[in-house]
Protein backbone atom coordinates (compact mmCIF):
# COMPACT_ATOMS: atom_id res chain seq x y z
CA UNK A 1 20.41 23.11 3.67
CA UNK A 2 22.62 20.16 3.89
CA UNK A 3 21.23 16.87 4.08
CA UNK A 4 22.68 13.52 4.64
CA UNK A 5 20.33 10.77 3.49
CA UNK A 6 20.85 7.18 4.43
CA UNK A 7 20.88 4.56 1.80
CA UNK A 8 21.83 1.14 1.65
CA UNK A 9 25.15 1.67 -0.31
CA UNK A 10 26.75 5.28 -0.66
CA UNK A 11 29.53 4.19 -3.08
CA UNK A 12 27.68 5.41 -6.10
CA UNK A 13 26.00 2.15 -6.53
CA UNK A 14 22.68 3.46 -5.39
CA UNK A 15 20.69 6.69 -5.08
CA UNK A 16 16.98 7.12 -3.70
CA UNK A 17 15.50 6.21 -7.07
CA UNK A 18 17.37 2.76 -7.18
CA UNK A 19 20.61 1.24 -8.80
CA UNK A 20 22.72 4.02 -9.87
CA UNK A 21 24.02 1.26 -12.99
CA UNK A 22 23.35 -2.50 -12.75
CA UNK A 23 25.87 -3.11 -15.73
CA UNK A 24 28.66 -5.54 -14.85
CA UNK A 25 27.00 -6.77 -11.54
CA UNK A 26 25.95 -9.92 -10.81
CA UNK A 27 22.59 -10.96 -8.84
CA UNK A 28 24.24 -11.17 -5.66
CA UNK A 29 25.73 -7.61 -5.99
CA UNK A 30 22.44 -6.28 -7.01
CA UNK A 31 20.42 -7.88 -4.11
CA UNK A 32 22.98 -6.54 -1.65
CA UNK A 33 22.78 -3.03 -2.71
CA UNK A 34 18.87 -3.48 -2.45
CA UNK A 35 19.19 -4.78 1.12
CA UNK A 36 17.66 -8.08 -0.07
CA UNK A 37 14.43 -6.73 -0.89
CA UNK A 38 13.65 -4.67 -4.06
CA UNK A 39 10.73 -3.14 -2.15
CA UNK A 40 13.39 -0.99 -0.19
CA UNK A 41 14.02 1.11 -3.15
CA UNK A 42 10.43 1.99 -3.36
CA UNK A 43 10.51 2.92 0.39
CA UNK A 44 13.68 5.08 -0.20
CA UNK A 45 12.08 6.76 -3.33
CA UNK A 46 8.99 7.72 -1.53
CA UNK A 47 10.91 9.23 1.44
CA UNK A 48 13.30 11.45 -0.81
CA UNK A 49 9.93 12.69 -2.66
CA UNK A 50 8.51 14.42 0.45
CA UNK A 51 11.09 17.18 0.34
CA UNK A 52 11.86 19.49 -2.54
CA UNK A 53 15.35 19.61 -4.42
CA UNK A 54 16.62 22.85 -3.13
CA UNK A 55 19.14 21.03 -0.75
CA UNK A 56 22.78 19.80 -0.83
CA UNK A 57 22.10 16.03 -0.52
CA UNK A 58 24.90 13.27 0.15
CA UNK A 59 24.04 9.64 0.50
CA UNK A 60 25.49 8.10 3.42
CA UNK A 61 25.32 4.72 5.46
CA UNK A 62 25.92 3.66 9.03
CA UNK A 63 29.31 2.33 8.17
CA UNK A 64 30.56 5.59 7.11
CA UNK A 65 33.33 7.41 9.23
CA UNK A 66 31.24 9.92 11.47
CA UNK A 67 34.37 12.11 11.95
CA UNK A 68 34.48 12.71 8.07
CA UNK A 69 30.78 13.65 8.41
CA UNK A 70 30.58 15.96 11.37
CA UNK A 71 29.84 19.52 10.81
CA UNK A 72 28.92 19.00 7.17
CA UNK A 73 25.30 18.50 7.36
CA UNK A 74 22.19 20.00 9.13
CA UNK A 75 19.79 17.11 8.86
CA UNK A 76 20.08 13.39 8.86
CA UNK A 77 17.34 11.65 7.13
CA UNK A 78 16.35 8.09 7.85
CA UNK A 79 13.99 5.94 5.89
CA UNK A 80 13.83 2.91 8.29
CA UNK A 81 11.63 -0.36 8.18
CA UNK A 82 11.78 -3.38 10.27
CA UNK A 83 14.06 -2.31 13.05
CA UNK A 84 11.69 -3.17 16.05
CA UNK A 85 12.66 -6.59 15.83
CA UNK A 86 13.85 -8.61 18.79
CA UNK A 87 16.48 -10.44 16.32
CA UNK A 88 18.03 -6.96 15.20
CA UNK A 89 20.69 -5.24 17.02
CA UNK A 90 20.96 -1.50 15.87
CA UNK A 91 23.64 -0.52 18.33
CA UNK A 92 25.91 0.32 15.61
CA UNK A 93 23.30 2.70 14.03
CA UNK A 94 22.80 3.98 17.53
CA UNK A 95 26.20 5.08 17.89
CA UNK A 96 26.20 6.47 14.57
CA UNK A 97 23.35 8.91 15.43
CA UNK A 98 24.82 9.93 18.75
CA UNK A 99 28.30 10.71 17.44
CA UNK A 100 26.93 12.57 14.36
CA UNK A 101 24.45 14.51 16.64
CA UNK A 102 22.45 16.43 14.51
CA UNK A 103 18.46 16.65 13.84
CA UNK A 104 16.87 13.70 12.40
CA UNK A 105 13.78 12.89 10.14
CA UNK A 106 12.90 9.24 10.16
CA UNK A 107 10.07 7.74 8.16
CA UNK A 108 8.71 3.96 8.46
CA UNK A 109 9.77 2.49 11.61
CA UNK A 110 7.89 -0.58 12.14
CA UNK A 111 7.85 -3.97 14.15
CA UNK A 112 8.04 -7.35 12.47
CA UNK A 113 5.49 -9.81 13.68
CA UNK A 114 2.67 -12.13 12.78
CA UNK A 115 -0.90 -11.66 13.08
CA UNK A 116 -0.84 -13.37 16.47
CA UNK A 117 1.86 -10.94 17.83
CA UNK A 118 1.29 -8.72 20.74
CA UNK A 119 3.17 -5.75 21.96
CA UNK A 120 4.51 -7.80 24.83
CA UNK A 121 6.54 -9.86 22.36
CA UNK A 122 8.74 -6.74 21.74
CA UNK A 123 9.45 -5.87 25.06
CA UNK A 124 12.83 -7.99 24.90
CA UNK A 125 14.33 -5.79 22.17
CA UNK A 126 18.12 -5.68 21.91
CA UNK A 127 19.60 -2.89 23.96
CA UNK A 128 21.33 -1.49 20.91
CA UNK A 129 17.70 -1.24 19.00
CA UNK A 130 16.23 0.59 22.17
CA UNK A 131 19.40 2.59 22.44
CA UNK A 132 18.74 3.72 18.65
CA UNK A 133 15.19 4.70 19.22
CA UNK A 134 15.94 6.75 22.09
CA UNK A 135 18.79 8.58 20.42
CA UNK A 136 16.47 9.35 17.57
CA UNK A 137 13.59 10.34 19.61
CA UNK A 138 15.84 12.91 21.34
CA UNK A 139 16.80 14.50 17.97
CA UNK A 140 13.54 14.73 16.23
CA UNK A 141 9.95 16.05 16.96
CA UNK A 142 8.43 13.10 15.61
CA UNK A 143 9.08 9.50 14.69
CA UNK A 144 6.94 8.50 11.89
CA UNK A 145 5.86 4.80 12.24
CA UNK A 146 3.96 2.37 10.08
CA UNK A 147 1.10 2.03 12.42
CA UNK A 148 -0.54 1.78 15.81
CA UNK A 149 0.87 -1.76 16.62
CA UNK A 150 4.22 -0.26 16.21
CA UNK A 151 3.19 3.16 17.95
CA UNK A 152 2.03 0.98 21.04
CA UNK A 153 5.25 -0.81 21.35
CA UNK A 154 7.19 2.35 21.20
CA UNK A 155 4.85 4.05 23.91
CA UNK A 156 5.89 0.88 26.17
CA UNK A 157 9.26 1.62 25.51
CA UNK A 158 8.67 5.08 26.94
CA UNK A 159 8.84 6.84 23.45
CA UNK A 160 5.85 8.87 22.82
CA UNK A 161 6.86 11.48 20.18
CA UNK A 162 5.35 8.89 17.41
CA UNK A 163 2.79 9.19 14.79
CA UNK A 164 1.42 6.28 12.56
CA UNK A 165 1.27 7.43 9.09
CA UNK A 166 2.14 4.10 7.11
CA UNK A 167 4.75 4.21 4.55
CA UNK A 168 6.25 7.43 2.61
CA UNK A 169 5.78 5.65 -0.64
CA UNK A 170 2.23 6.42 -0.25
CA UNK A 171 3.09 9.93 -1.32
CA UNK A 172 4.78 9.36 -4.48
CA UNK A 173 2.10 10.11 -6.88
CA UNK A 174 0.95 13.83 -6.43
CA UNK A 175 -2.87 13.60 -7.25
CA UNK A 176 -4.95 14.45 -4.33
CA UNK A 177 -7.60 12.16 -5.92
CA UNK A 178 -5.62 9.12 -6.21
CA UNK A 179 -8.20 6.81 -4.76
CA UNK A 180 -11.23 8.75 -6.27
CA UNK A 181 -9.97 8.59 -9.63
CA UNK A 182 -10.16 4.78 -9.68
CA UNK A 183 -14.06 4.65 -9.60
CA UNK A 184 -14.33 5.11 -13.25
CA UNK A 185 -12.00 2.56 -14.12
CA UNK A 186 -12.40 -1.04 -15.55
CA UNK A 187 -10.55 -3.99 -14.42
CA UNK A 188 -9.28 -6.61 -17.08
CA UNK A 189 -5.45 -7.09 -16.78
CA UNK A 190 -4.55 -8.23 -13.31
CA UNK A 191 -0.92 -8.60 -12.13
CA UNK A 192 0.46 -10.40 -9.16
CA UNK A 193 3.34 -9.48 -6.67
CA UNK A 194 5.59 -12.47 -5.86
CA UNK A 195 5.17 -13.49 -2.32
CA UNK A 196 7.29 -16.65 -2.07
CA UNK A 197 8.56 -16.47 1.43
CA UNK A 198 10.70 -18.72 3.44
CA UNK A 199 8.93 -22.15 4.37
CA UNK A 200 8.84 -21.12 8.16
CA UNK A 201 6.62 -18.32 7.08
CA UNK A 202 4.15 -20.27 5.02
CA UNK A 203 0.86 -21.74 5.86
CA UNK A 204 -1.61 -23.70 3.61
CA UNK A 205 -3.69 -20.94 2.86
CA UNK A 206 -0.66 -18.64 1.74
CA UNK A 207 0.51 -21.47 -0.42
CA UNK A 208 -2.69 -21.85 -2.04
CA UNK A 209 -2.87 -17.94 -2.81
CA UNK A 210 0.35 -18.21 -4.20
CA UNK A 211 -0.31 -20.98 -6.60
CA UNK A 212 -3.85 -19.48 -7.59
CA UNK A 213 -2.10 -16.05 -8.13
CA UNK A 214 0.60 -17.71 -10.52
CA UNK A 215 -2.11 -19.45 -12.33
CA UNK A 216 -3.80 -16.26 -12.83
CA UNK A 217 -0.66 -14.36 -14.39
CA UNK A 218 0.17 -17.37 -16.59
CA UNK A 219 -3.18 -17.84 -17.91
CA UNK A 220 -3.81 -14.39 -18.67
CA UNK A 221 -0.09 -13.37 -19.77
CA UNK A 222 0.20 -10.38 -17.29
CA UNK A 223 2.87 -9.68 -14.63
CA UNK A 224 4.47 -11.63 -11.84
CA UNK A 225 6.43 -8.69 -10.06
CA UNK A 226 9.51 -9.89 -8.03
CA UNK A 227 10.56 -8.28 -4.54
CA UNK A 228 12.58 -11.11 -2.86
CA UNK A 229 12.45 -14.42 -4.16
CA UNK A 230 15.72 -15.10 -5.94
CA UNK A 231 14.55 -17.11 -8.97
CA UNK A 232 11.64 -14.86 -9.86
CA UNK A 233 14.26 -11.71 -9.50
CA UNK A 234 17.05 -13.31 -11.60
CA UNK A 235 14.45 -14.17 -14.24
CA UNK A 236 12.68 -10.91 -13.91
CA UNK A 237 16.06 -9.04 -14.55
CA UNK A 238 17.06 -11.30 -17.61
CA UNK A 239 19.83 -12.90 -15.53
CA UNK A 240 19.05 -16.59 -16.85
CA UNK A 241 22.36 -18.14 -16.54
CA UNK A 242 22.28 -17.32 -12.95
CA UNK A 243 19.42 -19.32 -12.33
CA UNK A 244 20.21 -23.17 -11.26
CA UNK A 245 17.97 -26.20 -12.24
CA UNK A 246 17.66 -26.68 -8.73
CA UNK A 247 16.13 -23.41 -7.97
CA UNK A 248 13.74 -23.67 -11.03
CA UNK A 249 12.53 -27.31 -9.68
CA UNK A 250 12.04 -25.87 -6.17
CA UNK A 251 10.00 -22.97 -7.37
CA UNK A 252 8.39 -25.26 -9.78
CA UNK A 253 6.95 -27.65 -7.28
CA UNK A 254 5.86 -24.62 -5.10
CA UNK A 255 4.27 -22.46 -7.82
CA UNK A 256 2.98 -24.81 -10.27
CA UNK A 257 3.45 -28.49 -9.52
CA UNK A 258 1.20 -29.52 -12.32
CA UNK A 259 3.38 -27.90 -14.92
CA UNK A 260 6.21 -29.57 -16.36
CA UNK A 261 9.70 -27.93 -15.84
CA UNK A 262 9.98 -27.02 -19.47
CA UNK A 263 6.31 -25.60 -19.40
CA UNK A 264 7.10 -23.83 -16.18
CA UNK A 265 10.70 -22.49 -17.18
CA UNK A 266 8.85 -21.01 -20.34
CA UNK A 267 6.25 -19.27 -18.24
CA UNK A 268 8.33 -17.79 -15.64
CA UNK A 269 10.55 -16.08 -18.54
CA UNK A 270 7.07 -14.50 -19.98
CA UNK A 271 5.64 -13.39 -16.62
CA UNK A 272 8.25 -12.94 -14.12
CA UNK A 273 9.44 -8.96 -13.74
CA UNK A 274 11.70 -7.15 -11.60
CA UNK A 275 12.93 -3.45 -11.39
CA UNK A 276 16.01 -1.72 -10.02
CA UNK A 277 14.63 1.72 -10.78
CA UNK A 278 11.55 2.72 -9.01
CA UNK A 279 10.25 5.02 -12.10
CA UNK A 280 10.48 1.96 -14.30
CA UNK A 281 8.66 0.01 -11.96
CA UNK A 282 5.76 2.56 -11.46
CA UNK A 283 5.48 2.99 -15.20
CA UNK A 284 5.29 -0.54 -16.13
CA UNK A 285 2.31 -0.83 -13.75
CA UNK A 286 0.36 1.16 -15.86
CA UNK A 287 -0.22 -1.23 -18.49
CA UNK A 288 -2.30 -3.12 -15.95
CA UNK A 289 -5.47 -2.42 -14.54
CA UNK A 290 -4.83 -3.82 -11.16
CA UNK A 291 -2.55 -5.55 -9.01
CA UNK A 292 -2.78 -8.08 -5.97
CA UNK A 293 -0.46 -10.03 -3.79
CA UNK A 294 1.34 -10.04 -0.18
CA UNK A 295 3.92 -7.51 -0.89
CA UNK A 296 3.14 -4.06 0.03
CA UNK A 297 5.35 -2.13 -2.33
CA UNK A 298 4.16 -4.39 -5.16
CA UNK A 299 0.68 -2.96 -4.46
CA UNK A 300 1.96 0.60 -3.67
CA UNK A 301 3.78 0.86 -7.07
CA UNK A 302 0.48 -0.23 -8.70
CA UNK A 303 -1.59 2.37 -6.74
CA UNK A 304 1.09 4.89 -7.49
CA UNK A 305 0.71 4.02 -11.18
CA UNK A 306 -3.00 4.74 -10.82
CA UNK A 307 -4.48 1.35 -10.98
CA UNK A 308 -6.31 -0.81 -8.44
CA UNK A 309 -4.40 -2.73 -5.78
CA UNK A 310 -5.28 -5.25 -3.27
CA UNK A 311 -2.72 -6.32 -0.42
CA UNK A 312 -3.39 -9.76 1.07
CA UNK A 313 -2.57 -9.38 4.73
CA UNK A 314 -0.56 -12.00 6.51
CA UNK A 315 1.26 -10.34 9.33
CA UNK A 316 1.02 -7.53 11.64
CA UNK A 317 3.16 -5.44 9.47
CA UNK A 318 1.08 -5.50 6.46
CA UNK A 319 -2.28 -5.01 8.44
CA UNK A 320 -1.06 -1.89 10.33
CA UNK A 321 0.05 -0.52 7.25
CA UNK A 322 -3.17 -1.06 5.43
CA UNK A 323 -5.06 0.22 8.38
CA UNK A 324 -3.02 3.48 8.99
CA UNK A 325 -3.24 4.41 5.19
CA UNK A 326 -6.92 3.28 4.55
CA UNK A 327 -6.10 0.55 1.87
CA UNK A 328 -8.61 -1.98 1.08
CA UNK A 329 -7.17 -5.41 1.71
CA UNK A 330 -7.87 -9.10 1.84
CA UNK A 331 -7.15 -11.37 4.59
CA UNK A 332 -5.87 -15.01 3.74
CA UNK A 333 -9.10 -16.52 4.89
CA UNK A 334 -11.00 -14.33 2.12
CA UNK A 335 -8.62 -15.67 -0.53
CA UNK A 336 -10.29 -18.97 -0.07
CA UNK A 337 -13.08 -17.94 -2.29
CA UNK A 338 -10.61 -17.50 -5.18
CA UNK A 339 -10.86 -20.52 -7.47
CA UNK A 340 -11.05 -19.52 -10.81
CA UNK A 341 -9.35 -16.67 -12.74
CA UNK A 342 -12.53 -14.54 -12.74
CA UNK A 343 -12.60 -14.75 -9.01
CA UNK A 344 -9.97 -12.30 -8.95
CA UNK A 345 -11.83 -9.75 -10.86
CA UNK A 346 -14.77 -10.64 -8.54
CA UNK A 347 -12.79 -9.95 -5.38
CA UNK A 348 -11.83 -6.47 -6.56
CA UNK A 349 -15.19 -5.31 -7.30
CA UNK A 350 -16.66 -6.91 -4.08
CA UNK A 351 -14.12 -4.93 -1.96
CA UNK A 352 -14.04 -1.55 -3.99
CA UNK A 353 -17.80 -1.31 -4.03
CA UNK A 354 -17.93 -1.04 -0.07
CA UNK A 355 -14.78 1.06 -0.11
CA UNK A 356 -15.08 4.70 0.52
CA UNK A 357 -12.77 6.30 -2.07
CA UNK A 358 -13.28 9.96 -0.84
CA UNK A 359 -12.44 9.15 2.82
CA UNK A 360 -9.25 7.43 1.73
CA UNK A 361 -8.05 10.53 -0.12
CA UNK A 362 -8.94 12.48 2.75
CA UNK A 363 -6.61 10.14 5.06
CA UNK A 364 -3.89 10.46 2.53
CA UNK A 365 -4.25 14.34 2.81
CA UNK A 366 -4.09 14.20 6.41
CA UNK A 367 -0.97 12.19 6.42
CA UNK A 368 0.66 14.42 3.69
CA UNK A 369 -0.05 17.32 6.15
CA UNK A 370 1.44 15.59 9.10
CA UNK A 371 4.57 14.94 6.94
CA UNK A 372 4.52 18.54 5.51
CA UNK A 373 4.28 20.17 9.31
CA UNK A 374 7.25 18.21 10.36
CA UNK A 375 9.43 18.86 7.22
CA UNK A 376 8.77 22.53 7.60
CA UNK A 377 9.67 22.45 11.22
CA UNK A 378 13.00 21.00 10.23
CA UNK A 379 13.84 23.72 7.90
CA UNK A 380 12.96 21.75 4.56
CA UNK A 381 10.82 22.97 1.82
CA UNK A 382 7.91 20.42 1.27
CA UNK A 383 7.85 18.89 -2.39
CA UNK A 384 5.28 20.11 -4.93
CA UNK A 385 3.86 16.52 -4.86
CA UNK A 386 3.40 16.60 -1.16
CA UNK A 387 1.92 20.22 -1.41
CA UNK A 388 -0.65 18.82 -3.88
CA UNK A 389 -1.73 15.66 -1.75
CA UNK A 390 -1.97 17.99 1.12
CA UNK A 391 -4.47 20.22 -0.82
CA UNK A 392 -1.98 23.25 -0.14
């Protein structure tokens, strides 16, 4: 079977597992290839791991010449994310889908809102985005979305062939007992996922949590894993010469105002990590016992590495993902109880004591079977990993 697989750059700069080669690239080039969020690499990786290797696969983008692609492929695979957004115009991708006109496998469709958002807030989507959703809906049996919030929005748009299954990166680790296997593990080394958002997205509770999290990783010398914040990513990649004093000072004031600039600079070089290869990212998490923070893919790579994770929910996206995948999570309000470093461990123990590991494994198996059915219907062979999670 011939597959067109959509990534952010098809010019031999990226494949589904991340950057093909980051040598001789500056940070801006790397960031562009990752579409400004390194978590996107985990998303694309998980989507590709759902079906086997017995296909002829070519990486494409929405910018490619459709006329050159026509007749060459049997299926278009679209790992998508925050396109259900009033500020996003998906007319160009909609035209691409319409002109190529082949069956589509699409995962991860989601709305981008805060915890106060309602479905009504998304009824003013740009016509191009609505057109994209309709073009895809006509060419697939099932649109896989992140959660019930997004599913309800699509239903109000008249699109009903939708299932809420979370993120395909949930299926990376082939173990059918991923959650249950955690029950026998101790928690000592806890890493953090960077959650330095744009000032307009912050609030006092988030700011306090981020400072406590950075205090945790610096005092225990664990990992502060970057996804979006430029200074953290540059430092994590070892691109120290590209970090300006202004950027360092700004991050210092936000994360650790009590530290001197020299102390802070020394600390971020010790703890900041960033990865452009998903395998490296997951393997690196295995030296930790747990990871916590507001980034879903920083937590997801931890879980796929077989360690505890604890997403901190701050928007509708993270909430619906956690609910659809049966993840334990903290609210920002619950993080107010974290004051000392030892409180992080207490939070994990408390949450996981109430968590039904077997039920979460059953939900993950259920999602795997949903993916598996659709993949088979489209003529693909499910991967061995997906079959394992589905308990086939």
